[in-house]
N, C-alpha and C. Protein backbone atom coordinates (compact mmCIF):
# COMPACT_ATOMS: atom_id res chain seq x y z
N MET A 1 0.55 -1.08 0.00
CA MET A 1 0.07 -0.12 0.32
C MET A 1 0.80 1.36 0.04
N GLY A 2 0.66 2.05 -0.92
CA GLY A 2 1.11 3.31 -0.82
C GLY A 2 1.15 4.38 0.43
N GLU A 3 1.63 5.53 -0.01
CA GLU A 3 1.08 6.91 1.49
C GLU A 3 0.71 7.69 0.57
N ILE A 4 0.39 9.11 1.39
CA ILE A 4 0.63 10.18 0.97
C ILE A 4 1.52 10.86 1.76
N ILE A 5 2.05 11.77 0.96
CA ILE A 5 3.48 12.56 1.47
C ILE A 5 2.82 14.13 1.31
N VAL A 6 2.71 15.05 2.11
CA VAL A 6 2.11 16.13 2.70
C VAL A 6 3.84 17.35 2.18
N ARG A 7 3.70 18.10 1.51
CA ARG A 7 4.60 18.61 0.80
C ARG A 7 4.47 20.34 1.37
N LEU A 8 3.77 20.50 2.29
CA LEU A 8 3.25 21.99 2.56
C LEU A 8 4.42 22.39 3.09
N ASP A 9 5.49 21.71 3.73
CA ASP A 9 6.62 23.08 4.13
C ASP A 9 7.30 23.46 2.83
N ARG A 10 7.81 22.45 1.65
CA ARG A 10 8.05 22.80 0.44
C ARG A 10 7.08 24.02 -0.42
N VAL A 11 6.28 24.11 -0.12
CA VAL A 11 5.31 25.29 -1.17
C VAL A 11 5.30 26.38 -0.25
N MET A 12 5.19 26.48 1.42
CA MET A 12 5.42 27.48 2.23
C MET A 12 6.77 28.17 1.78
N ALA A 13 7.64 27.68 2.01
CA ALA A 13 9.17 27.57 1.52
C ALA A 13 9.28 28.70 0.27
N ASP A 14 8.66 28.16 -1.19
CA ASP A 14 9.04 28.64 -2.03
C ASP A 14 8.30 30.08 -1.95
N ARG A 15 6.95 29.82 -1.46
CA ARG A 15 5.94 31.09 -1.27
C ARG A 15 6.92 32.26 0.36
N LYS A 16 7.38 32.20 0.56
CA LYS A 16 8.19 32.39 1.75
C LYS A 16 7.65 32.84 2.45
N ILE A 17 6.46 31.66 3.32
CA ILE A 17 5.21 31.94 4.15
C ILE A 17 6.12 31.69 5.29
N GLY A 18 5.73 32.07 6.68
CA GLY A 18 5.74 31.54 7.95
C GLY A 18 4.62 30.74 8.48
N LEU A 19 4.69 29.67 9.33
CA LEU A 19 3.50 29.20 10.11
C LEU A 19 3.20 30.02 10.27
N ASN A 20 3.59 31.03 11.40
CA ASN A 20 2.42 31.70 11.62
C ASN A 20 1.18 32.97 10.64
N GLU A 21 1.66 33.30 9.76
CA GLU A 21 1.70 34.10 8.64
C GLU A 21 0.07 32.97 8.24
N LEU A 22 0.42 31.92 7.97
CA LEU A 22 -0.40 31.29 6.78
C LEU A 22 -1.07 30.61 7.93
N SER A 23 -1.25 29.78 9.40
CA SER A 23 -2.20 30.10 10.58
C SER A 23 -2.87 31.45 10.52
N GLU A 24 -2.72 32.03 10.52
CA GLU A 24 -3.87 34.05 10.28
C GLU A 24 -4.68 33.58 9.12
N ARG A 25 -3.69 33.35 8.03
CA ARG A 25 -5.06 33.48 6.68
C ARG A 25 -5.75 32.57 6.57
N VAL A 26 -5.21 31.19 6.57
CA VAL A 26 -6.45 29.78 7.24
C VAL A 26 -7.49 30.02 8.30
N GLY A 27 -6.92 30.66 9.16
CA GLY A 27 -7.57 30.05 10.40
C GLY A 27 -7.42 29.10 11.10
N ILE A 28 -6.75 28.19 11.03
CA ILE A 28 -6.23 26.94 11.35
C ILE A 28 -5.48 27.54 12.56
N ALA A 29 -5.10 26.28 14.30
CA ALA A 29 -4.43 26.63 15.05
C ALA A 29 -3.08 26.28 14.32
N ASN A 30 -2.18 26.98 15.05
CA ASN A 30 -0.77 27.02 14.56
C ASN A 30 -0.39 25.36 15.32
N VAL A 31 -0.84 24.73 15.89
CA VAL A 31 -0.14 23.12 16.52
C VAL A 31 -1.27 22.58 15.58
N ASN A 32 -2.43 22.88 15.26
CA ASN A 32 -2.57 21.78 13.90
C ASN A 32 -1.80 21.37 12.19
N LEU A 33 -1.73 23.45 12.79
CA LEU A 33 -0.69 23.32 10.76
C LEU A 33 0.24 22.98 10.83
N SER A 34 0.90 22.77 12.20
CA SER A 34 1.85 22.44 12.11
C SER A 34 2.24 20.99 11.97
N LYS A 35 1.26 19.82 12.74
CA LYS A 35 1.04 18.60 12.65
C LYS A 35 1.02 18.54 11.21
N LEU A 36 0.08 19.44 10.28
CA LEU A 36 -0.15 18.96 8.75
C LEU A 36 1.23 19.31 8.56
N LYS A 37 1.73 20.46 8.65
CA LYS A 37 3.26 20.03 7.93
C LYS A 37 4.05 19.22 7.73
N ASN A 38 4.13 18.94 9.31
CA ASN A 38 5.57 17.42 9.57
C ASN A 38 4.69 16.08 9.16
N GLY A 39 3.22 16.41 8.73
CA GLY A 39 2.72 14.78 8.27
C GLY A 39 2.27 13.92 9.70
N HIS A 40 2.44 14.76 10.62
CA HIS A 40 1.54 13.78 11.85
C HIS A 40 -0.02 14.00 11.74
N VAL A 41 -0.83 13.33 10.61
CA VAL A 41 -2.03 14.05 10.55
C VAL A 41 -2.62 12.95 9.28
N SER A 42 -3.66 12.06 9.73
CA SER A 42 -4.04 10.85 8.89
C SER A 42 -5.26 11.22 8.31
N ALA A 43 -5.72 12.53 7.90
CA ALA A 43 -6.81 13.27 7.29
C ALA A 43 -6.59 14.74 7.31
N VAL A 44 -7.36 14.59 6.04
CA VAL A 44 -7.34 16.66 5.96
C VAL A 44 -8.60 16.57 5.35
N ARG A 45 -9.88 17.85 6.18
CA ARG A 45 -10.83 17.98 5.82
C ARG A 45 -10.56 19.05 4.24
N PHE A 46 -11.61 18.86 3.34
CA PHE A 46 -11.57 19.32 2.06
C PHE A 46 -11.43 21.15 2.77
N SER A 47 -12.05 21.05 3.41
CA SER A 47 -12.33 22.75 3.48
C SER A 47 -11.00 23.49 4.05
N THR A 48 -10.33 22.63 4.46
CA THR A 48 -8.46 23.18 5.12
C THR A 48 -7.80 22.94 3.52
N LEU A 49 -8.51 22.29 3.10
CA LEU A 49 -7.28 21.81 1.92
C LEU A 49 -7.54 23.03 0.69
N CYS A 50 -8.82 23.48 0.74
CA CYS A 50 -9.39 24.70 -0.13
C CYS A 50 -8.91 26.15 0.86
N ALA A 51 -9.16 26.07 1.84
CA ALA A 51 -8.05 27.28 2.22
C ALA A 51 -6.78 27.19 2.45
N LEU A 52 -6.33 26.17 2.32
CA LEU A 52 -4.44 26.17 2.57
C LEU A 52 -4.36 26.41 0.69
N CYS A 53 -4.86 26.02 0.04
CA CYS A 53 -4.74 26.57 -1.55
C CYS A 53 -5.08 27.65 -1.43
N GLU A 54 -6.01 28.19 -1.32
CA GLU A 54 -6.30 29.54 -1.95
C GLU A 54 -5.29 30.78 -1.17
N ALA A 55 -4.75 30.18 0.05
CA ALA A 55 -3.48 31.31 0.98
C ALA A 55 -2.46 30.97 0.09
N LEU A 56 -2.18 29.64 -1.02
CA LEU A 56 -0.79 29.50 -0.43
C LEU A 56 -0.57 30.04 -2.54
N ASP A 57 -2.16 29.73 -3.30
CA ASP A 57 -2.22 30.11 -4.85
C ASP A 57 -1.41 29.33 -4.96
N CYS A 58 -2.02 27.89 -4.95
CA CYS A 58 -1.25 26.20 -5.51
C CYS A 58 -2.62 25.69 -5.68
N GLN A 59 -1.92 24.42 -5.74
CA GLN A 59 -3.37 23.10 -6.31
C GLN A 59 -2.87 22.48 -5.08
N PRO A 60 -3.93 21.26 -5.24
CA PRO A 60 -3.89 20.40 -3.84
C PRO A 60 -2.87 19.35 -4.36
N GLY A 61 -2.63 18.84 -5.57
CA GLY A 61 -1.43 18.28 -6.27
C GLY A 61 0.16 18.73 -5.91
N ASP A 62 -0.08 20.21 -5.26
CA ASP A 62 1.24 21.19 -4.86
C ASP A 62 1.58 20.61 -3.63
N LEU A 63 0.38 20.06 -2.87
CA LEU A 63 0.46 20.22 -1.10
C LEU A 63 0.77 18.47 -1.04
N LEU A 64 -0.09 17.85 -1.86
CA LEU A 64 0.07 16.66 -1.08
C LEU A 64 0.29 15.24 -2.72
N GLU A 65 1.00 14.53 -2.17
CA GLU A 65 1.76 13.55 -3.64
C GLU A 65 1.45 12.07 -2.87
N PHE A 66 1.45 11.24 -4.11
CA PHE A 66 1.17 9.67 -3.66
C PHE A 66 2.92 9.05 -3.69
N SER A 67 2.91 8.59 -3.11
CA SER A 67 4.15 7.59 -3.09
C SER A 67 4.23 5.66 -3.14
N LYS A 68 3.97 5.14 -3.68
CA LYS A 68 4.06 3.86 -4.35
C LYS A 68 4.76 3.29 -3.62
N LYS A 69 4.45 2.43 -2.88
CA LYS A 69 5.43 1.55 -2.02
C LYS A 69 5.59 0.06 -2.69
N GLU A 70 6.50 -1.04 -2.91
CA GLU A 70 6.90 -1.80 -3.16
C GLU A 70 7.06 -2.82 -2.23
């Protein structure tokens, strides 16, 4: 079975935006955004994904990547 890799840290670095600023823009607690950024979550709401894409001007595929395990 494969896995989903969260690339939020990479997109944030590309956009030169910090965790605190993104947290304010999206309306998500810093702690929860940090967990998402570090891949310590098992699910993401579509509304959260939408808010992140809007704040970062990106597509969901920029934030999430599928890795096939062999």
